[in-house]
Each structure stands twice: as structure tokens, then as C-alpha cells.
Amino acid sequence: MLPLRPEHRPGSGTPQAVRVLDHERARGYALGTMKFGIFYEHQLPRPWNADSEHRLLQDSLTQIELADRLGYDYAWEVEHHFLEEYSHSSAPEVFLGAASQRTKRIRLGHGIIQLPTNHPIRVAERVATLDLLSGGRVELGLGEGQGPIELHPFGRRVRDKRDVWEEAVRVLIPCFTQDVVEFHGRFFDFPARNVIPKPLQKPHPPLWVACSNISTIGNAGQWGMGALGFQFVTPEAARAWVTEYYINLTRRLAKLADYPANPNVAMVSAFMCAPTDEEAQAKAAGWTFFVFCLSHYGRNGMAEPGRGNMWALYQEWRETPKAQETLRAGLIGSPETIRRRLREFEAAHVDQVILLNQTGRTPHEDICSSLDLFAREVMPEFHAREAEHQRWKSQVLAGRIALEQGDTSAHTVYAHQNEDIVRLTPDELKRKMAAKEAARARGDLTSSPDRAP
């Protein structure tokens, strides 16, 4: 195993913090006002026809091309496997490669690449190629994958996914920067090789980590990676977690490898912008399908492959008070309503808001009109306030503003989470899976291990 350089071992925060500002200035991008991205799960509710997936991808590319022209900053694409209807996005590097040839300035984000289901050498090769094709516009989000449905076919156990992820990060980074890489670890083992090509951005695209569990935001700061989370329940929750992130980044930095820090907190939010609040809520019904799928998986696991019908199951739930409540949690409304909500998160120093409206059966035309209206009537106000946010962030990173440690214990879920959408910590996952195995060995548990997400 390649040793980490001494200045990148846990507890050596000061030398790393110095590199934060240097890297951000070199990028000339992330130090600034609130940024706006768009987000794709590639949801495709049943029933399907022969053209459904083709049309989904083509419409999504058209939407990203439009967003590029309208001045959006990022386009993010997930990676999921086998999650029928919820996400038909198993090859994000191919989709983003196509997007790179239809856009000029928008940054193209992996949100995220699953490291447990991909060999880090292949990740390095694909990301570098995409960075070259796009002219250096890649943002690299890294994640663990969800549960047995995604991990088991690739030979990974749920309980190991955090350990695999951390080791994969240590493998991946030298592949971008070194001409000879050799690694001998617990999960990855290979002889000396030069991984080519190398990315256009030097030393490599900015790093982010998926924060589906809200507590991972604190880890992201400690690791020196951007945090990719979801919308906070309240501005107070946003302020608490942003503070936790920047305190960890500036005082407790413990990177996993030799990479520049990427100081950013981003949140994915339900989104639909329309002339009136009522029209926006009517057009945003797809968001309730997104939440339903996560809730259903939490209660019931996944259906048998090829036999489920999430859209049919959703029909009853979509009219419940719980479903209607989800429509009030996101950035769904008129331009004035959305501006008012965004100002609260801007005041909490959230760096990027990522807008999700490709959900359920939201029509292509509604997605495009929503993007257009937001870009014309909402986005300019926040892009215009660049100096204020840049000044605060620069002073925090340089240590000239001393943030006070807050209490995040009262803010343990995101706005879209309910009692069925549970995100366990790595230690909790290990205990849960060990208990399941013990129960199965005793004959107390007869269901397939794939049933539990």
C-alpha cells in the first residue's frame, strides 16, 4: 500500500488548510456566490415502451443544453444499478460524455460514482477521459452505493462499503497524478502501472462526497471534500451543518490522500418554478414519486427483478397528507416564493443549490419552462451577490473568521426524509447486517438478503 505523505495524515490540519485557498483560486470558480446546478436520477415510471429510455436520455440532454445556455453552473448525474423506475442511470460517464459535446461552460458532475461497484483504476480512466472531452469541466462526486440490491451483484457486502470507499479513494487519487501506481490493500491489489489518460484539470477534478446520511457532512469537511447533501429542514439546520463542515475543514482536516481541498456545501432540492405557487405544486407531483420510492424501499425493500410496478403502488400514496406535505418542503413555487426560501439558505452560507425536477412523469416541457423562468427571474439576484459570499468564505478558510461550534444533534434528517427513509451510519450498518446474518443462521429470518436496502 502506498504510504500517505506525513502532511496528509489525521491531525495535520494546518498544512492542508493552506492548500484550500490556493486550490480554489486556481480553479477561479467555487469561491464566489451561491451556485445553481441541476440533478438527474433518470426516473422512468412504468409502463415503458420501446422508446421510453431513448426519449428519457435525449430529453435530459436537451435540458442540460438549455441549462448551459441559461447560465446554470453545474449538471449532476447519479449512478444507480437495478433500481427500476427510480433511476435508470447506470452509466453516468457515457451520459455526461454526450452532454460534454452539447455544452460549452456548464460543469459536469458525477453525483456520484459508486466506488464499491467500480474498480478505482477504471474510475480514474473514465473520469480523466471525460475531463479531456469536456475541456476540464468535471466535478467528481464519490459515494458508496445504497444496499444489497446494488452491491451484492458486484461482490460487495453492505457492511464493508465505507471501508471499501475509503480504500478506493486512496487508490484513485495517485492514479490521476503519478506515472507509476502500485497498491496492495484489503480490497484492491495490483502491480505497478501507469494509469492513462491523465485529466486536463490539475491535479484532478474537484472531489465531492455523497452525504445521504446528514452526519456525513461533518466527515466531508474533515476529509476536505465538497459535501453533496439534500435540502435542510430549516435555515437553522443549514447553518448548523455548514458551520460543522467548515469547522472540521479548517480545524480537524484529515484527508484520505494527497488532494487539494474542495470547500463547498451543496444541497439537492425538489424544484419547480412556475408563475404561481398553485401551478408549481401541480406540476411538481413527480417529486412525490421520488419520495414515495425511497419510503417504499425503506419499508418493503425491492420487488423481484422485472416484476415490480412502483408507479401503480404510488397511486394511492400520492393523495395522502404525507405526499402533499412533501410538496411544501422544496423549492416549489413562484419566483418570489423560491427567492424567499433561497435567501434563507444563502444567509446560512450554503454554496450550491442543486435543483431536481426530472422526477416521476414530469413532462419535458414543464422541466424546460421551469429552468427558463428560474434563470430569468430568480438566479440573477443570487449571482449578483458574489462579493459578499466570497469575502465570508475566504475569511473563514484563512482563519480570520472564527466559527463557533454549534449543535447538530437537533438536526438529524433532511427535509424529504420521513420515518421510512432511514440512513444508517457505517457502524450501525455493520451491526444491522451482522444481526441479520445471525438471525438467518438461527432460522429466524427466511427472506432474501437482497430484500433489505
Protein backbone atom coordinates (compact mmCIF):
# COMPACT_ATOMS: atom_id res chain seq x y z
CA MET A 1 0.00 0.00 0.00
CA LEU A 2 1.30 3.42 -0.88
CA PRO A 3 2.03 5.44 2.26
CA LEU A 4 0.25 8.73 2.76
CA ARG A 5 2.51 11.75 2.90
CA PRO A 6 3.01 12.94 6.51
CA GLU A 7 1.20 16.23 5.99
CA HIS A 8 -1.91 14.33 4.90
CA ARG A 9 -2.28 12.14 7.94
CA PRO A 10 -5.01 12.72 10.51
CA GLY A 11 -4.22 15.53 12.88
CA SER A 12 -2.07 17.55 10.50
CA GLY A 13 -4.71 20.16 9.75
CA THR A 14 -2.71 23.34 9.35
CA PRO A 15 -0.59 22.49 6.26
CA GLN A 16 -3.70 21.18 4.48
CA ALA A 17 -5.79 24.24 5.26
CA VAL A 18 -3.21 26.41 3.49
CA ARG A 19 -3.83 24.50 0.26
CA VAL A 20 -7.56 25.19 0.32
CA LEU A 21 -7.33 28.80 -0.82
CA ASP A 22 -4.57 28.11 -3.31
CA HIS A 23 -6.62 25.41 -5.00
CA GLU A 24 -9.80 27.44 -5.06
CA ARG A 25 -8.05 30.44 -6.57
CA ALA A 26 -6.50 28.21 -9.19
CA ARG A 27 -9.94 26.98 -10.18
CA GLY A 28 -11.26 30.52 -10.17
CA TYR A 29 -14.74 29.13 -9.77
CA ALA A 30 -16.02 27.87 -6.45
CA LEU A 31 -15.05 30.87 -4.33
CA GLY A 32 -17.98 33.11 -5.07
CA THR A 33 -21.70 33.47 -4.85
CA MET A 34 -24.30 30.73 -4.47
CA LYS A 35 -24.14 28.40 -7.47
CA PHE A 36 -27.01 26.54 -9.09
CA GLY A 37 -26.97 23.05 -10.50
CA ILE A 38 -29.47 20.62 -12.00
CA PHE A 39 -29.72 16.98 -10.96
CA TYR A 40 -30.65 13.78 -12.77
CA GLU A 41 -31.77 10.39 -11.43
CA HIS A 42 -33.27 9.45 -14.80
CA GLN A 43 -36.54 8.32 -13.26
CA LEU A 44 -38.79 6.34 -15.57
CA PRO A 45 -42.08 5.10 -14.07
CA ARG A 46 -43.86 2.19 -15.69
CA PRO A 47 -45.34 1.37 -18.14
CA TRP A 48 -42.47 1.56 -20.62
CA ASN A 49 -42.37 1.16 -24.37
CA ALA A 50 -39.50 0.50 -26.76
CA ASP A 51 -38.66 4.21 -26.99
CA SER A 52 -39.00 5.21 -23.30
CA GLU A 53 -35.37 5.08 -22.25
CA HIS A 54 -34.18 6.59 -25.53
CA ARG A 55 -36.55 9.54 -25.13
CA LEU A 56 -35.62 9.99 -21.46
CA LEU A 57 -31.92 10.36 -22.27
CA GLN A 58 -32.48 12.58 -25.28
CA ASP A 59 -34.78 14.92 -23.35
CA SER A 60 -32.29 15.10 -20.50
CA LEU A 61 -29.50 16.09 -22.87
CA THR A 62 -31.71 18.80 -24.34
CA GLN A 63 -32.45 20.09 -20.84
CA ILE A 64 -28.74 20.26 -19.96
CA GLU A 65 -28.02 22.05 -23.22
CA LEU A 66 -30.72 24.57 -22.30
CA ALA A 67 -29.34 24.97 -18.78
CA ASP A 68 -25.90 25.68 -20.24
CA ARG A 69 -27.32 28.48 -22.37
CA LEU A 70 -29.31 29.89 -19.45
CA GLY A 71 -26.27 30.21 -17.19
CA TYR A 72 -26.67 27.31 -14.74
CA ASP A 73 -23.37 26.34 -13.16
CA TYR A 74 -23.49 22.54 -12.79
CA ALA A 75 -25.25 19.46 -14.16
CA TRP A 76 -25.10 16.41 -11.86
CA GLU A 77 -25.79 12.79 -12.79
CA VAL A 78 -26.21 9.90 -10.34
CA GLU A 79 -25.04 6.31 -10.59
CA HIS A 80 -27.51 3.60 -9.58
CA HIS A 81 -27.94 -0.04 -10.53
CA PHE A 82 -31.05 -2.22 -10.76
CA LEU A 83 -33.39 0.40 -9.23
CA GLU A 84 -36.20 0.04 -11.76
CA GLU A 85 -38.32 3.17 -12.31
CA TYR A 86 -36.43 5.10 -9.60
CA SER A 87 -33.16 5.53 -11.52
CA HIS A 88 -32.15 4.34 -14.98
CA SER A 89 -28.69 5.87 -14.65
CA SER A 90 -26.18 3.05 -14.53
CA ALA A 91 -23.58 4.56 -16.90
CA PRO A 92 -23.26 8.26 -15.97
CA GLU A 93 -19.87 8.61 -17.63
CA VAL A 94 -21.45 7.82 -21.01
CA PHE A 95 -24.31 10.26 -20.49
CA LEU A 96 -22.00 13.03 -19.28
CA GLY A 97 -19.71 12.35 -22.22
CA ALA A 98 -22.62 13.05 -24.55
CA ALA A 99 -23.50 16.18 -22.55
CA SER A 100 -19.93 17.41 -22.85
CA GLN A 101 -20.31 17.66 -26.61
CA ARG A 102 -23.56 19.64 -26.45
CA THR A 103 -22.48 22.22 -23.86
CA LYS A 104 -19.78 24.85 -23.53
CA ARG A 105 -19.45 26.10 -19.95
CA ILE A 106 -21.66 24.20 -17.51
CA ARG A 107 -19.66 21.94 -15.20
CA LEU A 108 -20.45 18.23 -15.42
CA GLY A 109 -20.75 16.48 -12.08
CA HIS A 110 -20.65 12.83 -11.14
CA GLY A 111 -23.12 12.86 -8.31
CA ILE A 112 -21.84 10.26 -7.53
CA ILE A 113 -19.64 7.41 -8.79
CA GLN A 114 -20.08 4.30 -6.64
CA LEU A 115 -16.60 3.23 -5.58
CA PRO A 116 -17.62 -0.19 -4.18
CA THR A 117 -19.09 -1.21 -7.56
CA ASN A 118 -16.29 0.24 -9.71
CA HIS A 119 -12.58 -0.51 -9.69
CA PRO A 120 -10.73 2.74 -8.92
CA ILE A 121 -8.44 2.29 -11.94
CA ARG A 122 -11.48 2.26 -14.23
CA VAL A 123 -12.88 5.27 -12.41
CA ALA A 124 -9.64 7.17 -13.00
CA GLU A 125 -9.57 6.25 -16.68
CA ARG A 126 -13.19 7.23 -17.34
CA VAL A 127 -13.08 10.45 -15.32
CA ALA A 128 -9.86 11.60 -16.98
CA THR A 129 -11.30 10.89 -20.42
CA LEU A 130 -14.45 12.85 -19.60
CA ASP A 131 -12.36 15.72 -18.30
CA LEU A 132 -10.40 15.81 -21.56
CA LEU A 133 -13.56 15.64 -23.68
CA SER A 134 -15.25 18.41 -21.71
CA GLY A 135 -12.30 20.78 -21.66
CA GLY A 136 -11.74 20.39 -17.92
CA ARG A 137 -15.31 20.75 -16.65
CA VAL A 138 -15.67 17.63 -14.49
CA GLU A 139 -16.66 17.58 -10.81
CA LEU A 140 -16.02 14.21 -9.18
CA GLY A 141 -18.51 13.07 -6.56
CA LEU A 142 -17.72 9.78 -4.83
CA GLY A 143 -20.14 7.54 -2.94
CA GLU A 144 -20.73 4.09 -1.53
CA GLY A 145 -23.89 2.77 -3.22
CA GLN A 146 -27.10 2.06 -1.39
CA GLY A 147 -27.72 -1.51 -0.24
CA PRO A 148 -27.73 -5.20 -1.18
CA ILE A 149 -29.68 -4.64 -4.40
CA GLU A 150 -26.84 -2.58 -5.81
CA LEU A 151 -23.82 -4.03 -4.03
CA HIS A 152 -24.32 -7.80 -3.93
CA PRO A 153 -24.13 -8.43 -7.72
CA PHE A 154 -20.70 -6.77 -7.67
CA GLY A 155 -19.46 -8.96 -4.83
CA ARG A 156 -19.61 -6.28 -2.13
CA ARG A 157 -21.16 -6.51 1.31
CA VAL A 158 -23.16 -3.62 2.73
CA ARG A 159 -21.19 -3.68 5.96
CA ASP A 160 -17.92 -3.17 4.07
CA LYS A 161 -18.98 -0.32 1.83
CA ARG A 162 -17.44 2.53 3.87
CA ASP A 163 -14.17 0.63 4.25
CA VAL A 164 -14.10 -0.12 0.51
CA TRP A 165 -14.89 3.51 -0.25
CA GLU A 166 -12.05 4.87 1.87
CA GLU A 167 -9.51 2.45 0.41
CA ALA A 168 -10.73 3.19 -3.12
CA VAL A 169 -10.15 6.93 -2.58
CA ARG A 170 -6.56 6.16 -1.54
CA VAL A 171 -6.12 4.12 -4.72
CA LEU A 172 -7.84 6.58 -7.03
CA ILE A 173 -6.01 9.83 -6.33
CA PRO A 174 -2.47 8.65 -7.24
CA CYS A 175 -3.88 7.26 -10.50
CA PHE A 176 -4.59 10.84 -11.56
CA THR A 177 -1.24 12.29 -10.56
CA GLN A 178 1.50 9.65 -10.65
CA ASP A 179 3.14 7.85 -13.55
CA VAL A 180 3.64 4.66 -11.56
CA VAL A 181 0.98 3.40 -9.16
CA GLU A 182 1.15 0.16 -7.19
CA PHE A 183 -1.31 -0.81 -4.46
CA HIS A 184 -1.65 -3.73 -2.07
CA GLY A 185 -4.60 -3.40 0.26
CA ARG A 186 -7.53 -5.25 1.76
CA PHE A 187 -9.91 -4.74 -1.17
CA PHE A 188 -7.66 -3.73 -4.08
CA ASP A 189 -4.36 -5.25 -5.14
CA PHE A 190 -2.46 -4.57 -8.34
CA PRO A 191 1.13 -4.28 -9.61
CA ALA A 192 2.83 -1.12 -10.81
CA ARG A 193 1.06 0.55 -13.72
CA ASN A 194 0.74 3.99 -15.33
CA VAL A 195 -2.99 4.78 -15.48
CA ILE A 196 -3.75 6.79 -18.61
CA PRO A 197 -5.02 9.21 -19.74
CA LYS A 198 -4.49 11.93 -17.14
CA PRO A 199 -7.19 14.58 -16.55
CA LEU A 200 -6.97 18.06 -18.01
CA GLN A 201 -7.58 19.69 -14.62
CA LYS A 202 -4.51 19.53 -12.44
CA PRO A 203 -4.03 17.68 -10.26
CA HIS A 204 -7.54 16.28 -10.96
CA PRO A 205 -11.23 17.30 -10.90
CA PRO A 206 -12.54 18.67 -7.57
CA LEU A 207 -13.68 15.98 -5.14
CA TRP A 208 -17.10 15.67 -3.52
CA VAL A 209 -18.68 13.01 -1.32
CA ALA A 210 -22.31 11.87 -1.16
CA CYS A 211 -23.96 12.83 2.13
CA SER A 212 -27.23 10.88 2.01
CA ASN A 213 -26.76 10.47 5.74
CA ILE A 214 -26.74 14.03 7.05
CA SER A 215 -23.94 13.28 9.53
CA THR A 216 -21.58 12.62 6.61
CA ILE A 217 -21.47 16.39 6.06
CA GLY A 218 -19.15 16.60 9.05
CA ASN A 219 -16.99 13.82 7.61
CA ALA A 220 -16.84 15.63 4.28
CA GLY A 221 -15.33 18.67 5.95
CA GLN A 222 -12.78 16.53 7.75
CA TRP A 223 -11.87 14.78 4.50
CA GLY A 224 -11.57 18.12 2.66
CA MET A 225 -14.21 17.17 0.08
CA GLY A 226 -17.29 19.03 -1.08
CA ALA A 227 -20.49 17.84 0.62
CA LEU A 228 -23.35 16.67 -1.63
CA GLY A 229 -26.43 16.58 0.57
CA PHE A 230 -30.15 17.26 0.37
CA GLN A 231 -32.23 20.26 1.39
CA PHE A 232 -32.12 21.06 5.08
CA VAL A 233 -35.33 21.13 7.09
CA THR A 234 -34.81 24.71 8.29
CA PRO A 235 -32.32 27.53 7.81
CA GLU A 236 -31.15 26.80 11.36
CA ALA A 237 -30.31 23.24 10.37
CA ALA A 238 -28.44 24.52 7.32
CA ARG A 239 -26.47 26.96 9.44
CA ALA A 240 -25.56 24.27 11.99
CA TRP A 241 -24.32 21.79 9.39
CA VAL A 242 -22.49 24.38 7.27
CA THR A 243 -20.71 25.54 10.43
CA GLU A 244 -19.87 21.94 11.36
CA TYR A 245 -18.49 21.37 7.87
CA TYR A 246 -16.23 24.43 7.85
CA ILE A 247 -15.01 23.89 11.41
CA ASN A 248 -13.98 20.35 10.51
CA LEU A 249 -12.37 21.51 7.29
CA THR A 250 -10.33 24.30 8.90
CA ARG A 251 -9.53 22.73 12.29
CA ARG A 252 -9.81 18.94 12.00
CA LEU A 253 -8.69 18.24 8.46
CA ALA A 254 -7.71 14.59 7.95
CA LYS A 255 -7.61 13.85 4.24
CA LEU A 256 -7.64 10.31 2.95
CA ALA A 257 -4.97 11.00 0.30
CA ASP A 258 -2.94 13.79 -1.27
CA TYR A 259 -5.53 16.05 -2.92
CA PRO A 260 -6.50 19.74 -2.77
CA ALA A 261 -9.44 20.52 -0.55
CA ASN A 262 -12.74 21.43 -2.19
CA PRO A 263 -14.58 23.61 0.34
CA ASN A 264 -18.23 23.51 -0.71
CA VAL A 265 -21.59 22.53 0.74
CA ALA A 266 -24.29 21.71 -1.81
CA MET A 267 -27.89 20.64 -1.27
CA VAL A 268 -30.23 18.88 -3.67
CA SER A 269 -33.76 20.23 -3.52
CA ALA A 270 -37.13 19.44 -5.01
CA PHE A 271 -37.74 22.07 -7.66
CA MET A 272 -40.46 23.50 -9.83
CA CYS A 273 -40.74 27.17 -10.77
CA ALA A 274 -43.99 28.40 -12.28
CA PRO A 275 -45.84 31.73 -12.41
CA THR A 276 -47.91 30.84 -9.31
CA ASP A 277 -47.43 28.62 -6.27
CA GLU A 278 -50.52 26.61 -7.21
CA GLU A 279 -49.27 25.93 -10.72
CA ALA A 280 -45.84 24.95 -9.45
CA GLN A 281 -47.28 22.46 -6.94
CA ALA A 282 -49.49 20.91 -9.60
CA LYS A 283 -46.50 20.46 -11.92
CA ALA A 284 -44.21 19.11 -9.17
CA ALA A 285 -46.14 15.90 -8.50
CA GLY A 286 -43.13 13.94 -9.74
CA TRP A 287 -41.29 14.89 -6.55
CA THR A 288 -43.82 12.92 -4.52
CA PHE A 289 -42.95 9.85 -6.64
CA PHE A 290 -39.27 10.34 -5.73
CA VAL A 291 -40.10 10.41 -2.02
CA PHE A 292 -42.55 7.50 -2.33
CA CYS A 293 -39.89 5.28 -3.89
CA LEU A 294 -37.44 5.96 -1.07
CA SER A 295 -40.18 5.40 1.52
CA HIS A 296 -41.33 2.16 -0.11
CA TYR A 297 -37.78 0.79 -0.30
CA GLY A 298 -37.34 1.62 3.38
CA ARG A 299 -40.47 -0.30 4.39
CA ASN A 300 -40.51 -3.18 1.92
CA GLY A 301 -37.18 -3.49 0.13
CA MET A 302 -37.16 -4.08 -3.62
CA ALA A 303 -39.60 -6.10 -5.70
CA GLU A 304 -38.48 -9.13 -7.68
CA PRO A 305 -36.48 -8.06 -10.74
CA GLY A 306 -38.73 -7.13 -13.64
CA ARG A 307 -41.93 -7.75 -11.65
CA GLY A 308 -42.45 -4.55 -9.67
CA ASN A 309 -44.60 -1.57 -10.55
CA MET A 310 -43.72 1.40 -8.37
CA TRP A 311 -45.97 3.72 -10.36
CA ALA A 312 -49.03 1.57 -9.65
CA LEU A 313 -48.18 1.33 -5.95
CA TYR A 314 -47.67 5.09 -5.83
CA GLN A 315 -51.19 6.00 -6.99
CA GLU A 316 -52.83 5.59 -3.61
CA TRP A 317 -49.99 7.23 -1.67
CA ARG A 318 -49.82 10.32 -3.89
CA GLU A 319 -53.10 11.67 -2.46
CA THR A 320 -52.16 11.21 1.20
CA PRO A 321 -51.34 14.14 3.52
CA LYS A 322 -47.77 12.85 3.75
CA ALA A 323 -47.39 13.16 -0.02
CA GLN A 324 -48.84 16.65 -0.08
CA GLU A 325 -46.55 17.71 2.74
CA THR A 326 -43.50 16.85 0.64
CA LEU A 327 -44.56 19.48 -1.91
CA ARG A 328 -44.16 22.19 0.73
CA ALA A 329 -40.63 21.21 1.65
CA GLY A 330 -38.68 22.05 -1.50
CA LEU A 331 -38.10 24.94 -3.85
CA ILE A 332 -41.52 24.61 -5.40
CA GLY A 333 -43.45 27.78 -6.15
CA SER A 334 -43.49 31.12 -7.90
CA PRO A 335 -40.25 33.04 -8.47
CA GLU A 336 -40.98 35.17 -5.39
CA THR A 337 -41.65 32.15 -3.17
CA ILE A 338 -38.44 30.47 -4.30
CA ARG A 339 -36.41 33.66 -3.90
CA ARG A 340 -37.63 33.99 -0.33
CA ARG A 341 -36.62 30.42 0.56
CA LEU A 342 -33.27 30.69 -1.19
CA ARG A 343 -32.34 33.84 0.73
CA GLU A 344 -32.60 31.84 3.96
CA PHE A 345 -30.15 29.21 2.72
CA GLU A 346 -27.91 31.88 1.24
CA ALA A 347 -27.74 33.50 4.69
CA ALA A 348 -26.66 30.10 6.09
CA HIS A 349 -23.76 30.12 3.56
CA VAL A 350 -24.87 27.12 1.51
CA ASP A 351 -22.53 27.19 -1.50
CA GLN A 352 -24.65 25.47 -4.13
CA VAL A 353 -28.31 24.60 -4.60
CA ILE A 354 -28.93 21.66 -6.95
CA LEU A 355 -32.39 21.62 -8.49
CA LEU A 356 -34.18 18.31 -9.05
CA ASN A 357 -37.24 18.36 -11.25
CA GLN A 358 -36.67 15.34 -13.51
CA THR A 359 -38.81 13.17 -11.24
CA GLY A 360 -41.73 10.86 -11.81
CA ARG A 361 -43.54 11.75 -15.00
CA THR A 362 -42.76 15.47 -15.03
CA PRO A 363 -43.07 16.43 -18.73
CA HIS A 364 -40.03 17.62 -20.64
CA GLU A 365 -41.83 20.87 -21.49
CA ASP A 366 -42.50 21.64 -17.81
CA ILE A 367 -38.87 20.99 -16.90
CA CYS A 368 -37.64 23.35 -19.61
CA SER A 369 -40.11 26.13 -18.77
CA SER A 370 -39.22 25.83 -15.08
CA LEU A 371 -35.50 26.12 -15.81
CA ASP A 372 -36.12 29.12 -18.06
CA LEU A 373 -38.32 31.02 -15.58
CA PHE A 374 -35.92 30.41 -12.69
CA ALA A 375 -32.95 31.56 -14.76
CA ARG A 376 -34.70 34.77 -15.77
CA GLU A 377 -36.39 35.77 -12.53
CA VAL A 378 -34.53 34.13 -9.64
CA MET A 379 -30.94 33.25 -10.46
CA PRO A 380 -29.64 36.75 -11.34
CA GLU A 381 -30.28 38.10 -7.84
CA PHE A 382 -28.05 35.46 -6.25
CA HIS A 383 -25.35 35.52 -8.92
CA ALA A 384 -25.13 39.28 -8.40
CA ARG A 385 -24.16 38.95 -4.73
CA GLU A 386 -20.78 37.40 -5.43
CA ALA A 387 -18.55 39.67 -3.37
CA GLU A 388 -20.33 39.17 -0.04
CA HIS A 389 -20.24 35.38 -0.05
CA GLN A 390 -16.71 35.29 -1.43
CA ARG A 391 -15.50 37.57 1.33
CA TRP A 392 -17.08 35.43 4.08
CA LYS A 393 -15.75 32.18 2.65
CA SER A 394 -12.24 33.50 2.08
CA GLN A 395 -12.06 34.80 5.64
CA VAL A 396 -13.29 31.50 7.09
CA LEU A 397 -10.78 29.48 5.11
CA ALA A 398 -7.96 31.85 6.02
CA GLY A 399 -8.87 31.68 9.72
CA ARG A 400 -9.88 35.34 10.00
CA ILE A 401 -13.45 34.42 10.99
CA ALA A 402 -13.67 32.07 13.96
CA LEU A 403 -16.81 29.96 13.67
CA GLU A 404 -18.47 28.91 16.89
CA GLN A 405 -19.15 25.21 17.37
CA GLY A 406 -22.90 24.62 17.09
CA ASP A 407 -25.19 21.75 17.99
CA THR A 408 -26.23 19.50 15.11
CA SER A 409 -27.93 16.91 17.33
CA ALA A 410 -31.33 18.50 16.80
CA HIS A 411 -30.95 18.35 13.01
CA THR A 412 -30.62 14.68 12.10
CA VAL A 413 -32.69 14.39 8.90
CA TYR A 414 -33.15 16.21 5.61
CA ALA A 415 -36.39 17.88 4.57
CA HIS A 416 -37.53 14.95 2.38
CA GLN A 417 -36.93 12.23 4.98
CA ASN A 418 -39.74 10.55 6.89
CA GLU A 419 -39.83 7.60 9.28
CA ASP A 420 -39.36 5.17 6.38
CA ILE A 421 -36.34 6.90 4.82
CA VAL A 422 -33.55 5.94 7.19
CA ARG A 423 -29.85 6.46 6.58
CA LEU A 424 -27.66 4.46 8.93
CA THR A 425 -24.09 5.25 9.88
CA PRO A 426 -21.36 2.77 8.85
CA ASP A 427 -21.20 1.33 12.37
CA GLU A 428 -24.99 0.99 12.52
CA LEU A 429 -24.97 -0.79 9.16
CA LYS A 430 -22.34 -3.25 10.32
CA ARG A 431 -24.34 -4.09 13.44
CA LYS A 432 -27.58 -4.43 11.49
CA MET A 433 -26.13 -6.74 8.85
CA ALA A 434 -24.36 -8.86 11.47
CA ALA A 435 -27.65 -9.25 13.34
CA LYS A 436 -29.43 -10.27 10.13
CA GLU A 437 -26.81 -12.91 9.40
CA ALA A 438 -27.06 -14.27 12.93
CA ALA A 439 -30.87 -14.42 12.68
CA ARG A 440 -30.68 -16.18 9.34
CA ALA A 441 -28.24 -18.71 10.76
CA ARG A 442 -30.73 -19.46 13.56
CA GLY A 443 -33.54 -19.83 11.04
CA ASP A 444 -35.35 -16.74 12.31
CA LEU A 445 -35.07 -14.88 9.01
CA THR A 446 -36.19 -16.53 5.80
CA SER A 447 -36.32 -13.61 3.37
CA SER A 448 -33.68 -12.99 0.75
CA PRO A 449 -30.72 -10.90 1.90
CA ASP A 450 -31.44 -8.67 -1.09
CA ARG A 451 -34.74 -7.54 0.40
CA ALA A 452 -33.26 -5.12 2.92
CA PRO A 453 -31.86 -1.93 1.44
